[in-house]
Structures are given as C-alpha cells and as structure tokens.
C-alpha atoms as a PDB file:
ATOM      1  CA  UNK A   1      73.548  92.000 103.974  1.00  0.00           C
ATOM      2  CA  UNK A   2      72.969  88.254 104.604  1.00  0.00           C
ATOM      3  CA  UNK A   3      73.762  85.835 101.795  1.00  0.00           C
ATOM      4  CA  UNK A   4      72.185  82.400 102.435  1.00  0.00           C
ATOM      5  CA  UNK A   5      74.289  80.836  99.667  1.00  0.00           C
ATOM      6  CA  UNK A   6      77.504  81.753 101.517  1.00  0.00           C
ATOM      7  CA  UNK A   7      75.912  81.545 104.997  1.00  0.00           C
ATOM      8  CA  UNK A   8      77.595  84.879 105.687  1.00  0.00           C
ATOM      9  CA  UNK A   9      76.632  88.502 106.093  1.00  0.00           C
ATOM     10  CA  UNK A  10      78.518  91.394 104.496  1.00  0.00           C
ATOM     11  CA  UNK A  11      78.901  94.501 106.659  1.00  0.00           C
ATOM     12  CA  UNK A  12      77.296  97.474 104.851  1.00  0.00           C
ATOM     13  CA  UNK A  13      79.295 100.308 106.492  1.00  0.00           C
ATOM     14  CA  UNK A  14      82.099 100.982 108.982  1.00  0.00           C
ATOM     15  CA  UNK A  15      81.058 100.998 112.621  1.00  0.00           C
ATOM     16  CA  UNK A  16      80.577  99.127 115.879  1.00  0.00           C
ATOM     17  CA  UNK A  17      78.302  96.093 115.628  1.00  0.00           C
ATOM     18  CA  UNK A  18      76.773  93.981 118.391  1.00  0.00           C
ATOM     19  CA  UNK A  19      76.432  90.376 117.254  1.00  0.00           C
ATOM     20  CA  UNK A  20      74.355  88.046 119.412  1.00  0.00           C
ATOM     21  CA  UNK A  21      73.536  84.376 119.033  1.00  0.00           C
ATOM     22  CA  UNK A  22      71.593  81.841 121.025  1.00  0.00           C
ATOM     23  CA  UNK A  23      71.579  78.052 120.662  1.00  0.00           C
ATOM     24  CA  UNK A  24      69.759  75.140 122.226  1.00  0.00           C
ATOM     25  CA  UNK A  25      71.498  71.809 122.735  1.00  0.00           C
ATOM     26  CA  UNK A  26      69.519  68.595 123.130  1.00  0.00           C
ATOM     27  CA  UNK A  27      70.237  66.485 126.204  1.00  0.00           C
ATOM     28  CA  UNK A  28      73.189  64.186 125.731  1.00  0.00           C
ATOM     29  CA  UNK A  29      74.849  66.437 123.153  1.00  0.00           C
ATOM     30  CA  UNK A  30      77.224  69.386 123.013  1.00  0.00           C
ATOM     31  CA  UNK A  31      77.431  72.234 120.515  1.00  0.00           C
ATOM     32  CA  UNK A  32      80.205  74.791 120.163  1.00  0.00           C
ATOM     33  CA  UNK A  33      79.059  77.700 117.966  1.00  0.00           C
ATOM     34  CA  UNK A  34      81.593  80.355 117.022  1.00  0.00           C
ATOM     35  CA  UNK A  35      81.675  83.647 115.182  1.00  0.00           C
ATOM     36  CA  UNK A  36      84.204  84.313 112.451  1.00  0.00           C
ATOM     37  CA  UNK A  37      85.014  87.695 110.907  1.00  0.00           C
ATOM     38  CA  UNK A  38      86.899  87.396 107.613  1.00  0.00           C
ATOM     39  CA  UNK A  39      87.872  83.814 108.554  1.00  0.00           C
ATOM     40  CA  UNK A  40      89.274  84.898 111.964  1.00  0.00           C
ATOM     41  CA  UNK A  41      87.616  83.617 115.165  1.00  0.00           C
ATOM     42  CA  UNK A  42      86.107  86.488 117.179  1.00  0.00           C
ATOM     43  CA  UNK A  43      83.537  84.831 119.462  1.00  0.00           C
ATOM     44  CA  UNK A  44      82.767  81.408 120.940  1.00  0.00           C
ATOM     45  CA  UNK A  45      80.206  79.658 123.121  1.00  0.00           C
ATOM     46  CA  UNK A  46      80.287  76.213 124.716  1.00  0.00           C
ATOM     47  CA  UNK A  47      76.915  74.549 125.235  1.00  0.00           C
ATOM     48  CA  UNK A  48      77.520  71.113 126.746  1.00  0.00           C
ATOM     49  CA  UNK A  49      74.502  69.027 127.744  1.00  0.00           C
ATOM     50  CA  UNK A  50      76.231  65.641 127.505  1.00  0.00           C
ATOM     51  CA  UNK A  51      75.560  64.849 131.171  1.00  0.00           C
ATOM     52  CA  UNK A  52      71.889  65.837 130.960  1.00  0.00           C
ATOM     53  CA  UNK A  53      69.926  63.070 129.333  1.00  0.00           C
ATOM     54  CA  UNK A  54      66.624  64.476 128.109  1.00  0.00           C
ATOM     55  CA  UNK A  55      67.317  68.005 129.403  1.00  0.00           C
ATOM     56  CA  UNK A  56      68.078  70.765 126.925  1.00  0.00           C
ATOM     57  CA  UNK A  57      70.704  73.416 127.584  1.00  0.00           C
ATOM     58  CA  UNK A  58      70.400  76.998 126.392  1.00  0.00           C
ATOM     59  CA  UNK A  59      73.552  79.036 125.677  1.00  0.00           C
ATOM     60  CA  UNK A  60      74.378  82.332 124.035  1.00  0.00           C
ATOM     61  CA  UNK A  61      76.911  85.074 123.628  1.00  0.00           C
ATOM     62  CA  UNK A  62      77.183  88.734 122.650  1.00  0.00           C
ATOM     63  CA  UNK A  63      80.236  90.236 120.969  1.00  0.00           C
ATOM     64  CA  UNK A  64      80.725  93.918 120.140  1.00  0.00           C
ATOM     65  CA  UNK A  65      83.094  94.395 117.213  1.00  0.00           C
ATOM     66  CA  UNK A  66      84.497  97.316 115.271  1.00  0.00           C
ATOM     67  CA  UNK A  67      83.905  96.264 111.669  1.00  0.00           C
ATOM     68  CA  UNK A  68      84.615  97.776 108.279  1.00  0.00           C
ATOM     69  CA  UNK A  69      82.479  97.921 105.148  1.00  0.00           C
ATOM     70  CA  UNK A  70      82.848  94.662 103.246  1.00  0.00           C
ATOM     71  CA  UNK A  71      83.826  92.533 106.253  1.00  0.00           C
ATOM     72  CA  UNK A  72      82.207  89.096 106.226  1.00  0.00           C
ATOM     73  CA  UNK A  73      80.727  87.515 109.316  1.00  0.00           C
END
C-alpha cells in the first residue's frame, strides 16, 4: 500500500477510509500539513507556534474519504 519512493499510498480497494495525521511544531515555527488524493487537496491542518518561543505545538486532523481502488494519497 505505502510506497516510500513516491511518499504515497495506493488504495487497495473501494471503500470509506479514515485518514489521520498528527504533527508537532517546534516553538517559533509553523507547519501546514495537508492531505492530497490524486493531486487534489482533501485535508489541511495549521500548526502555528511562531509566537511560542521554546514551546511546542501539537496539531492533527482526521478526514473520512470515499476512495476507489488505485487512488493515491
């Protein structure tokens, strides 16, 4: 399913999939992770710790998607 060379996963069969991610941003920085399905944006999280020097910020998201066999996420 997951191909580390492409940094993508291929969906093995049609169905509903719950995709969850969690990130940690160092103090003073911001990260904006997103989820793409077949090169189309389907999920996004903003984790902004720019005003928190030395304090880390934890952020995450959960997206439920109806996917088809062969879709790439």
